[in-house]
Amino acid sequence: MSTGLIIAIVVVVVVLLIVAVMTARRSKARREQERQRLSERAGGHRQEAGLHATKAQEHEQQAQEAKRQAKEADQQAREAAERAERERQMSQRHGEKADDLEQKL
């Protein structure tokens, strides 16, 4: 082989190596940018998830408080119904006693 051909082959190989290295660096830089972009998006999603979790907990507490109040209101309604029934019975008894007394007159 001639010296010129060997030099040409060496130059082509060196150029190809340089191109390969440059391409690898660009690919690595693009991957890093993509990784950074995805990391930022993931961070945003994590923050959003945290806000939703906090809101969910607040709503759960409100629901529990509403259930407690409903249970208390139900108990008060039952007690009021029992008092109303006792008053109705007492009214009926007193009405009957009044009727008995009127009949004796």
C-alpha atoms as a PDB file:
ATOM      1  CA  MET A   1       0.000   0.000   0.000  1.00  0.00           C
ATOM      2  CA  SER A   2       1.085   3.430  -0.638  1.00  0.00           C
ATOM      3  CA  THR A   3       1.776   5.909   2.099  1.00  0.00           C
ATOM      4  CA  GLY A   4      -0.879   8.271   0.760  1.00  0.00           C
ATOM      5  CA  LEU A   5      -3.530   5.551   0.991  1.00  0.00           C
ATOM      6  CA  ILE A   6      -2.549   4.699   4.566  1.00  0.00           C
ATOM      7  CA  ILE A   7      -2.672   8.374   5.522  1.00  0.00           C
ATOM      8  CA  ALA A   8      -6.090   8.713   3.843  1.00  0.00           C
ATOM      9  CA  ILE A   9      -7.418   5.682   5.709  1.00  0.00           C
ATOM     10  CA  VAL A  10      -6.045   6.994   9.025  1.00  0.00           C
ATOM     11  CA  VAL A  11      -7.601  10.425   8.361  1.00  0.00           C
ATOM     12  CA  VAL A  12     -10.987   8.840   7.512  1.00  0.00           C
ATOM     13  CA  VAL A  13     -10.850   6.693  10.650  1.00  0.00           C
ATOM     14  CA  VAL A  14      -9.955   9.722  12.776  1.00  0.00           C
ATOM     15  CA  VAL A  15     -12.782  11.748  11.204  1.00  0.00           C
ATOM     16  CA  LEU A  16     -15.230   8.906  11.797  1.00  0.00           C
ATOM     17  CA  LEU A  17     -14.089   8.643  15.416  1.00  0.00           C
ATOM     18  CA  ILE A  18     -14.524  12.391  15.880  1.00  0.00           C
ATOM     19  CA  VAL A  19     -18.015  12.241  14.342  1.00  0.00           C
ATOM     20  CA  ALA A  20     -18.898   9.263  16.548  1.00  0.00           C
ATOM     21  CA  VAL A  21     -17.687  11.051  19.689  1.00  0.00           C
ATOM     22  CA  MET A  22     -19.581  14.226  18.777  1.00  0.00           C
ATOM     23  CA  THR A  23     -22.736  12.245  18.068  1.00  0.00           C
ATOM     24  CA  ALA A  24     -22.411  10.406  21.375  1.00  0.00           C
ATOM     25  CA  ARG A  25     -21.973  13.704  23.252  1.00  0.00           C
ATOM     26  CA  ARG A  26     -25.032  15.229  21.568  1.00  0.00           C
ATOM     27  CA  SER A  27     -27.080  12.128  22.362  1.00  0.00           C
ATOM     28  CA  LYS A  28     -25.916  12.222  25.944  1.00  0.00           C
ATOM     29  CA  ALA A  29     -26.791  15.933  26.186  1.00  0.00           C
ATOM     30  CA  ARG A  30     -30.264  15.294  24.733  1.00  0.00           C
ATOM     31  CA  ARG A  31     -30.855  12.416  27.136  1.00  0.00           C
ATOM     32  CA  GLU A  32     -29.777  14.614  30.044  1.00  0.00           C
ATOM     33  CA  GLN A  33     -32.104  17.400  28.923  1.00  0.00           C
ATOM     34  CA  GLU A  34     -34.961  14.922  28.601  1.00  0.00           C
ATOM     35  CA  ARG A  35     -34.153  13.459  32.014  1.00  0.00           C
ATOM     36  CA  GLN A  36     -34.151  16.973  33.508  1.00  0.00           C
ATOM     37  CA  ARG A  37     -37.447  17.850  31.818  1.00  0.00           C
ATOM     38  CA  LEU A  38     -39.085  14.652  33.028  1.00  0.00           C
ATOM     39  CA  SER A  39     -37.691  15.206  36.516  1.00  0.00           C
ATOM     40  CA  GLU A  40     -39.263  18.659  36.618  1.00  0.00           C
ATOM     41  CA  ARG A  41     -42.582  17.280  35.418  1.00  0.00           C
ATOM     42  CA  ALA A  42     -42.435  14.510  38.000  1.00  0.00           C
ATOM     43  CA  GLY A  43     -41.718  17.088  40.702  1.00  0.00           C
ATOM     44  CA  GLY A  44     -44.742  19.088  39.590  1.00  0.00           C
ATOM     45  CA  HIS A  45     -46.905  15.971  39.686  1.00  0.00           C
ATOM     46  CA  ARG A  46     -45.601  15.092  43.155  1.00  0.00           C
ATOM     47  CA  GLN A  47     -46.455  18.575  44.383  1.00  0.00           C
ATOM     48  CA  GLU A  48     -49.922  18.331  42.848  1.00  0.00           C
ATOM     49  CA  ALA A  49     -50.413  14.907  44.421  1.00  0.00           C
ATOM     50  CA  GLY A  50     -49.447  16.329  47.803  1.00  0.00           C
ATOM     51  CA  LEU A  51     -51.999  19.121  47.454  1.00  0.00           C
ATOM     52  CA  HIS A  52     -54.702  16.654  46.491  1.00  0.00           C
ATOM     53  CA  ALA A  53     -53.804  14.400  49.412  1.00  0.00           C
ATOM     54  CA  THR A  54     -54.106  17.353  51.786  1.00  0.00           C
ATOM     55  CA  LYS A  55     -57.476  18.318  50.318  1.00  0.00           C
ATOM     56  CA  ALA A  56     -58.651  14.720  50.524  1.00  0.00           C
ATOM     57  CA  GLN A  57     -57.715  14.589  54.192  1.00  0.00           C
ATOM     58  CA  GLU A  58     -59.565  17.859  54.846  1.00  0.00           C
ATOM     59  CA  HIS A  59     -62.657  16.543  53.071  1.00  0.00           C
ATOM     60  CA  GLU A  60     -62.476  13.318  55.025  1.00  0.00           C
ATOM     61  CA  GLN A  61     -62.368  15.267  58.284  1.00  0.00           C
ATOM     62  CA  GLN A  62     -65.339  17.351  57.151  1.00  0.00           C
ATOM     63  CA  ALA A  63     -67.235  14.198  56.249  1.00  0.00           C
ATOM     64  CA  GLN A  64     -66.510  12.669  59.650  1.00  0.00           C
ATOM     65  CA  GLU A  65     -67.680  15.853  61.374  1.00  0.00           C
ATOM     66  CA  ALA A  66     -70.838  15.877  59.259  1.00  0.00           C
ATOM     67  CA  LYS A  67     -71.504  12.229  60.171  1.00  0.00           C
ATOM     68  CA  ARG A  68     -71.013  13.044  63.850  1.00  0.00           C
ATOM     69  CA  GLN A  69     -73.410  15.969  63.605  1.00  0.00           C
ATOM     70  CA  ALA A  70     -75.933  13.866  61.699  1.00  0.00           C
ATOM     71  CA  LYS A  71     -75.737  11.153  64.344  1.00  0.00           C
ATOM     72  CA  GLU A  72     -76.211  13.755  67.067  1.00  0.00           C
ATOM     73  CA  ALA A  73     -79.162  15.302  65.191  1.00  0.00           C
ATOM     74  CA  ASP A  74     -80.690  11.845  64.738  1.00  0.00           C
ATOM     75  CA  GLN A  75     -80.356  11.180  68.461  1.00  0.00           C
ATOM     76  CA  GLN A  76     -81.955  14.544  69.266  1.00  0.00           C
ATOM     77  CA  ALA A  77     -84.788  13.793  66.824  1.00  0.00           C
ATOM     78  CA  ARG A  78     -85.434  10.420  68.493  1.00  0.00           C
ATOM     79  CA  GLU A  79     -85.418  12.039  71.930  1.00  0.00           C
ATOM     80  CA  ALA A  80     -87.817  14.755  70.733  1.00  0.00           C
ATOM     81  CA  ALA A  81     -90.111  12.086  69.242  1.00  0.00           C
ATOM     82  CA  GLU A  82     -90.046  10.180  72.558  1.00  0.00           C
ATOM     83  CA  ARG A  83     -90.881  13.375  74.478  1.00  0.00           C
ATOM     84  CA  ALA A  84     -93.688  14.125  72.023  1.00  0.00           C
ATOM     85  CA  GLU A  85     -95.068  10.612  72.492  1.00  0.00           C
ATOM     86  CA  ARG A  86     -94.929  10.948  76.303  1.00  0.00           C
ATOM     87  CA  GLU A  87     -96.661  14.318  76.105  1.00  0.00           C
ATOM     88  CA  ARG A  88     -99.321  12.862  73.791  1.00  0.00           C
ATOM     89  CA  GLN A  89     -99.938  10.007  76.240  1.00  0.00           C
ATOM     90  CA  MET A  90    -100.116  12.415  79.167  1.00  0.00           C
ATOM     91  CA  SER A  91    -102.489  14.627  77.200  1.00  0.00           C
ATOM     92  CA  GLN A  92    -104.660  11.631  76.449  1.00  0.00           C
ATOM     93  CA  ARG A  93    -104.697  10.562  80.131  1.00  0.00           C
ATOM     94  CA  HIS A  94    -105.559  14.043  81.303  1.00  0.00           C
ATOM     95  CA  GLY A  95    -108.263  14.270  78.627  1.00  0.00           C
ATOM     96  CA  GLU A  96    -109.717  10.991  79.860  1.00  0.00           C
ATOM     97  CA  LYS A  97    -109.601  12.186  83.490  1.00  0.00           C
ATOM     98  CA  ALA A  98    -111.311  15.417  82.445  1.00  0.00           C
ATOM     99  CA  ASP A  99    -114.008  13.400  80.667  1.00  0.00           C
ATOM    100  CA  ASP A 100    -114.449  11.207  83.791  1.00  0.00           C
ATOM    101  CA  LEU A 101    -114.775  14.262  86.028  1.00  0.00           C
ATOM    102  CA  GLU A 102    -117.287  15.884  83.675  1.00  0.00           C
ATOM    103  CA  GLN A 103    -119.377  12.720  83.651  1.00  0.00           C
ATOM    104  CA  LYS A 104    -119.437  12.717  87.474  1.00  0.00           C
ATOM    105  CA  LEU A 105    -120.787  16.267  87.481  1.00  0.00           C
END
